[in-house]
Amino acid sequence: MTAPDAQLDTDLRHRVVEAMTAVLARLVERDEPITEDVDMADGLGVSSSMGLELLLEVEEQVGIQIDVERMRPDELRTVGELATFIAGHSRPW
C-alpha cells in the first residue's frame, strides 16, 4: 500500500465501486458481473458520453462532487482505477 492509498477512504471507494458497477451494467446492458479489473473502453465499450453519464450518476448516488479537473482518462482505464481516483478526488455535497 502506497502512502496516498493509506489515506484513501475505503468505505467511500466501496460505495463508488457499487454505484459504478450498477450504472455501468445498465449503460452497457450487461448481465454478467462487472469487476474492478475490467477495462471500461475495451472491455465494456464505454464511450465518452457514457463516461460522463457514469460520473454524473455516481455523484448523485453517492452524494459527492468529483474533481474532474484532475482526471487523466489515459490513467483511469479500469473500473477499479476510476473508483480509486473518485474516492481520492471528491468531496461531499
N, C-alpha and C. Protein backbone atom coordinates (compact mmCIF):
# COMPACT_ATOMS: atom_id res chain seq x y z
N MET A 1 0.85 -1.18 0.00
CA MET A 1 0.00 0.00 0.00
C MET A 1 0.89 1.24 0.00
N THR A 2 0.66 2.13 -0.95
CA THR A 2 1.46 3.34 -1.01
C THR A 2 0.90 4.38 -0.06
N ALA A 3 1.66 5.42 0.17
CA ALA A 3 1.23 6.46 1.10
C ALA A 3 -0.11 7.08 0.71
N PRO A 4 -0.34 7.47 -0.58
CA PRO A 4 -1.65 8.04 -0.92
C PRO A 4 -2.79 7.06 -0.66
N ASP A 5 -2.57 5.77 -0.89
CA ASP A 5 -3.62 4.78 -0.66
C ASP A 5 -3.95 4.66 0.82
N ALA A 6 -2.97 4.92 1.68
CA ALA A 6 -3.19 4.80 3.11
C ALA A 6 -4.22 5.82 3.58
N GLN A 7 -4.36 6.95 2.89
CA GLN A 7 -5.30 7.99 3.28
C GLN A 7 -6.63 7.85 2.54
N LEU A 8 -6.77 6.89 1.68
CA LEU A 8 -7.97 6.70 0.90
C LEU A 8 -9.12 6.22 1.79
N ASP A 9 -10.28 6.81 1.62
CA ASP A 9 -11.47 6.42 2.35
C ASP A 9 -12.00 5.13 1.71
N THR A 10 -11.72 3.99 2.32
CA THR A 10 -12.09 2.71 1.72
C THR A 10 -13.60 2.49 1.69
N ASP A 11 -14.32 3.06 2.66
CA ASP A 11 -15.77 2.94 2.64
C ASP A 11 -16.34 3.71 1.45
N LEU A 12 -15.84 4.91 1.23
CA LEU A 12 -16.28 5.71 0.08
C LEU A 12 -15.94 4.98 -1.22
N ARG A 13 -14.74 4.43 -1.31
CA ARG A 13 -14.35 3.71 -2.52
C ARG A 13 -15.28 2.53 -2.78
N HIS A 14 -15.63 1.81 -1.73
CA HIS A 14 -16.54 0.68 -1.87
C HIS A 14 -17.91 1.14 -2.39
N ARG A 15 -18.42 2.24 -1.85
CA ARG A 15 -19.70 2.77 -2.32
C ARG A 15 -19.61 3.24 -3.77
N VAL A 16 -18.47 3.81 -4.14
CA VAL A 16 -18.26 4.24 -5.53
C VAL A 16 -18.24 3.04 -6.46
N VAL A 17 -17.54 1.97 -6.08
CA VAL A 17 -17.49 0.76 -6.91
C VAL A 17 -18.89 0.19 -7.09
N GLU A 18 -19.66 0.11 -6.01
CA GLU A 18 -21.02 -0.41 -6.10
C GLU A 18 -21.88 0.43 -7.05
N ALA A 19 -21.79 1.74 -6.91
CA ALA A 19 -22.57 2.63 -7.79
C ALA A 19 -22.10 2.49 -9.23
N MET A 20 -20.79 2.47 -9.44
CA MET A 20 -20.25 2.38 -10.80
C MET A 20 -20.67 1.09 -11.49
N THR A 21 -20.57 -0.04 -10.80
CA THR A 21 -20.90 -1.31 -11.44
C THR A 21 -22.38 -1.38 -11.78
N ALA A 22 -23.23 -0.84 -10.92
CA ALA A 22 -24.67 -0.84 -11.21
C ALA A 22 -24.99 0.05 -12.41
N VAL A 23 -24.41 1.24 -12.45
CA VAL A 23 -24.65 2.17 -13.56
C VAL A 23 -24.08 1.60 -14.85
N LEU A 24 -22.87 1.07 -14.79
CA LEU A 24 -22.26 0.50 -16.00
C LEU A 24 -23.07 -0.67 -16.55
N ALA A 25 -23.55 -1.53 -15.67
CA ALA A 25 -24.34 -2.68 -16.13
C ALA A 25 -25.56 -2.21 -16.90
N ARG A 26 -26.17 -1.15 -16.43
CA ARG A 26 -27.34 -0.60 -17.13
C ARG A 26 -26.93 0.08 -18.44
N LEU A 27 -25.88 0.89 -18.40
CA LEU A 27 -25.46 1.63 -19.59
C LEU A 27 -25.05 0.73 -20.75
N VAL A 28 -24.33 -0.35 -20.42
CA VAL A 28 -23.83 -1.24 -21.48
C VAL A 28 -24.69 -2.48 -21.64
N GLU A 29 -25.80 -2.50 -20.89
CA GLU A 29 -26.77 -3.61 -20.97
C GLU A 29 -26.07 -4.96 -20.82
N ARG A 30 -25.42 -5.11 -19.69
CA ARG A 30 -24.64 -6.33 -19.42
C ARG A 30 -25.21 -7.04 -18.20
N ASP A 31 -25.46 -8.33 -18.36
CA ASP A 31 -25.99 -9.13 -17.25
C ASP A 31 -24.87 -9.71 -16.39
N GLU A 32 -23.71 -9.97 -16.99
CA GLU A 32 -22.59 -10.56 -16.25
C GLU A 32 -22.04 -9.53 -15.27
N PRO A 33 -21.50 -10.00 -14.15
CA PRO A 33 -20.93 -9.07 -13.17
C PRO A 33 -19.79 -8.25 -13.77
N ILE A 34 -19.70 -7.00 -13.36
CA ILE A 34 -18.62 -6.12 -13.78
C ILE A 34 -17.64 -6.05 -12.63
N THR A 35 -16.39 -6.40 -12.89
CA THR A 35 -15.37 -6.43 -11.86
C THR A 35 -14.48 -5.19 -11.96
N GLU A 36 -13.70 -4.96 -10.92
CA GLU A 36 -12.84 -3.78 -10.86
C GLU A 36 -11.73 -3.79 -11.91
N ASP A 37 -11.35 -4.96 -12.39
CA ASP A 37 -10.23 -5.01 -13.33
C ASP A 37 -10.65 -4.91 -14.80
N VAL A 38 -11.93 -4.77 -15.08
CA VAL A 38 -12.37 -4.69 -16.47
C VAL A 38 -12.06 -3.30 -17.04
N ASP A 39 -11.57 -3.30 -18.26
CA ASP A 39 -11.27 -2.06 -18.98
C ASP A 39 -12.59 -1.48 -19.48
N MET A 40 -12.87 -0.25 -19.11
CA MET A 40 -14.17 0.32 -19.44
C MET A 40 -14.35 0.56 -20.93
N ALA A 41 -13.31 0.99 -21.63
CA ALA A 41 -13.43 1.24 -23.08
C ALA A 41 -13.36 -0.06 -23.86
N ASP A 42 -12.28 -0.81 -23.67
CA ASP A 42 -12.08 -2.03 -24.46
C ASP A 42 -12.98 -3.18 -24.01
N GLY A 43 -13.18 -3.32 -22.72
CA GLY A 43 -13.95 -4.45 -22.20
C GLY A 43 -15.45 -4.24 -22.18
N LEU A 44 -15.86 -2.96 -21.99
CA LEU A 44 -17.29 -2.68 -21.88
C LEU A 44 -17.83 -1.80 -23.01
N GLY A 45 -16.92 -1.20 -23.77
CA GLY A 45 -17.36 -0.33 -24.86
C GLY A 45 -17.92 1.00 -24.38
N VAL A 46 -17.43 1.50 -23.25
CA VAL A 46 -17.91 2.76 -22.70
C VAL A 46 -17.37 3.91 -23.56
N SER A 47 -18.28 4.71 -24.08
CA SER A 47 -17.92 5.88 -24.88
C SER A 47 -17.71 7.09 -23.96
N SER A 48 -17.24 8.19 -24.51
CA SER A 48 -17.03 9.38 -23.69
C SER A 48 -18.35 9.91 -23.13
N SER A 49 -19.43 9.82 -23.91
CA SER A 49 -20.72 10.29 -23.39
C SER A 49 -21.23 9.36 -22.28
N MET A 50 -20.99 8.06 -22.42
CA MET A 50 -21.36 7.13 -21.34
C MET A 50 -20.52 7.41 -20.10
N GLY A 51 -19.25 7.74 -20.30
CA GLY A 51 -18.37 8.05 -19.17
C GLY A 51 -18.86 9.26 -18.40
N LEU A 52 -19.32 10.27 -19.13
CA LEU A 52 -19.87 11.46 -18.48
C LEU A 52 -21.13 11.11 -17.71
N GLU A 53 -22.01 10.32 -18.31
CA GLU A 53 -23.23 9.90 -17.63
C GLU A 53 -22.88 9.09 -16.37
N LEU A 54 -21.88 8.23 -16.49
CA LEU A 54 -21.43 7.43 -15.34
C LEU A 54 -21.01 8.34 -14.19
N LEU A 55 -20.16 9.33 -14.48
CA LEU A 55 -19.68 10.22 -13.43
C LEU A 55 -20.82 10.99 -12.78
N LEU A 56 -21.75 11.50 -13.60
CA LEU A 56 -22.87 12.26 -13.06
C LEU A 56 -23.76 11.40 -12.16
N GLU A 57 -24.01 10.17 -12.58
CA GLU A 57 -24.86 9.29 -11.78
C GLU A 57 -24.16 8.84 -10.50
N VAL A 58 -22.85 8.60 -10.57
CA VAL A 58 -22.11 8.23 -9.36
C VAL A 58 -22.14 9.39 -8.37
N GLU A 59 -21.93 10.61 -8.87
CA GLU A 59 -22.00 11.78 -7.98
C GLU A 59 -23.35 11.84 -7.27
N GLU A 60 -24.42 11.65 -8.03
CA GLU A 60 -25.76 11.73 -7.47
C GLU A 60 -26.02 10.60 -6.47
N GLN A 61 -25.68 9.37 -6.84
CA GLN A 61 -25.96 8.22 -5.97
C GLN A 61 -25.15 8.24 -4.68
N VAL A 62 -23.90 8.67 -4.77
CA VAL A 62 -23.02 8.62 -3.60
C VAL A 62 -23.06 9.93 -2.82
N GLY A 63 -23.56 11.01 -3.44
CA GLY A 63 -23.64 12.30 -2.76
C GLY A 63 -22.31 13.02 -2.68
N ILE A 64 -21.58 12.98 -3.80
CA ILE A 64 -20.26 13.61 -3.84
C ILE A 64 -20.13 14.49 -5.07
N GLN A 65 -19.10 15.33 -5.07
CA GLN A 65 -18.73 16.09 -6.25
C GLN A 65 -17.31 15.68 -6.61
N ILE A 66 -17.14 15.18 -7.84
CA ILE A 66 -15.84 14.67 -8.30
C ILE A 66 -15.03 15.81 -8.90
N ASP A 67 -13.77 15.88 -8.55
CA ASP A 67 -12.85 16.89 -9.09
C ASP A 67 -12.37 16.41 -10.46
N VAL A 68 -13.17 16.67 -11.49
CA VAL A 68 -12.84 16.18 -12.83
C VAL A 68 -11.67 16.92 -13.46
N GLU A 69 -11.31 18.08 -12.93
CA GLU A 69 -10.18 18.84 -13.47
C GLU A 69 -8.86 18.06 -13.33
N ARG A 70 -8.80 17.16 -12.38
CA ARG A 70 -7.56 16.41 -12.13
C ARG A 70 -7.55 15.05 -12.80
N MET A 71 -8.61 14.74 -13.55
CA MET A 71 -8.70 13.43 -14.20
C MET A 71 -7.75 13.33 -15.38
N ARG A 72 -7.15 12.15 -15.52
CA ARG A 72 -6.34 11.81 -16.68
C ARG A 72 -6.92 10.51 -17.24
N PRO A 73 -7.82 10.61 -18.23
CA PRO A 73 -8.51 9.42 -18.73
C PRO A 73 -7.58 8.28 -19.13
N ASP A 74 -6.40 8.60 -19.66
CA ASP A 74 -5.47 7.55 -20.07
C ASP A 74 -4.92 6.77 -18.88
N GLU A 75 -5.03 7.31 -17.68
CA GLU A 75 -4.56 6.62 -16.47
C GLU A 75 -5.71 5.97 -15.71
N LEU A 76 -6.93 6.13 -16.18
CA LEU A 76 -8.11 5.64 -15.48
C LEU A 76 -8.91 4.73 -16.39
N ARG A 77 -8.31 3.62 -16.77
CA ARG A 77 -8.93 2.75 -17.76
C ARG A 77 -9.87 1.71 -17.15
N THR A 78 -9.56 1.24 -15.96
CA THR A 78 -10.39 0.18 -15.37
C THR A 78 -11.37 0.75 -14.36
N VAL A 79 -12.36 -0.03 -14.04
CA VAL A 79 -13.35 0.35 -13.03
C VAL A 79 -12.65 0.66 -11.71
N GLY A 80 -11.72 -0.19 -11.31
CA GLY A 80 -11.00 0.00 -10.05
C GLY A 80 -10.16 1.25 -10.02
N GLU A 81 -9.46 1.54 -11.12
CA GLU A 81 -8.64 2.75 -11.19
C GLU A 81 -9.50 4.00 -11.06
N LEU A 82 -10.63 4.02 -11.77
CA LEU A 82 -11.51 5.18 -11.69
C LEU A 82 -12.13 5.30 -10.30
N ALA A 83 -12.51 4.19 -9.69
CA ALA A 83 -13.08 4.23 -8.34
C ALA A 83 -12.08 4.79 -7.33
N THR A 84 -10.82 4.38 -7.45
CA THR A 84 -9.78 4.89 -6.56
C THR A 84 -9.59 6.39 -6.75
N PHE A 85 -9.57 6.82 -8.02
CA PHE A 85 -9.44 8.25 -8.31
C PHE A 85 -10.60 9.01 -7.68
N ILE A 86 -11.83 8.54 -7.92
CA ILE A 86 -13.01 9.24 -7.41
C ILE A 86 -12.97 9.33 -5.89
N ALA A 87 -12.62 8.25 -5.23
CA ALA A 87 -12.57 8.24 -3.76
C ALA A 87 -11.53 9.22 -3.23
N GLY A 88 -10.47 9.43 -3.98
CA GLY A 88 -9.41 10.32 -3.55
C GLY A 88 -9.55 11.75 -4.03
N HIS A 89 -10.46 11.99 -4.98
CA HIS A 89 -10.59 13.33 -5.58
C HIS A 89 -12.07 13.76 -5.64
N SER A 90 -12.73 13.65 -4.53
CA SER A 90 -14.12 14.09 -4.47
C SER A 90 -14.39 14.64 -3.08
N ARG A 91 -15.50 15.33 -2.97
CA ARG A 91 -15.91 15.86 -1.66
C ARG A 91 -17.42 15.71 -1.54
N PRO A 92 -17.92 15.62 -0.32
CA PRO A 92 -19.37 15.51 -0.12
C PRO A 92 -20.07 16.77 -0.60
N TRP A 93 -21.32 16.63 -0.99
CA TRP A 93 -22.12 17.79 -1.36
C TRP A 93 -22.36 18.66 -0.19
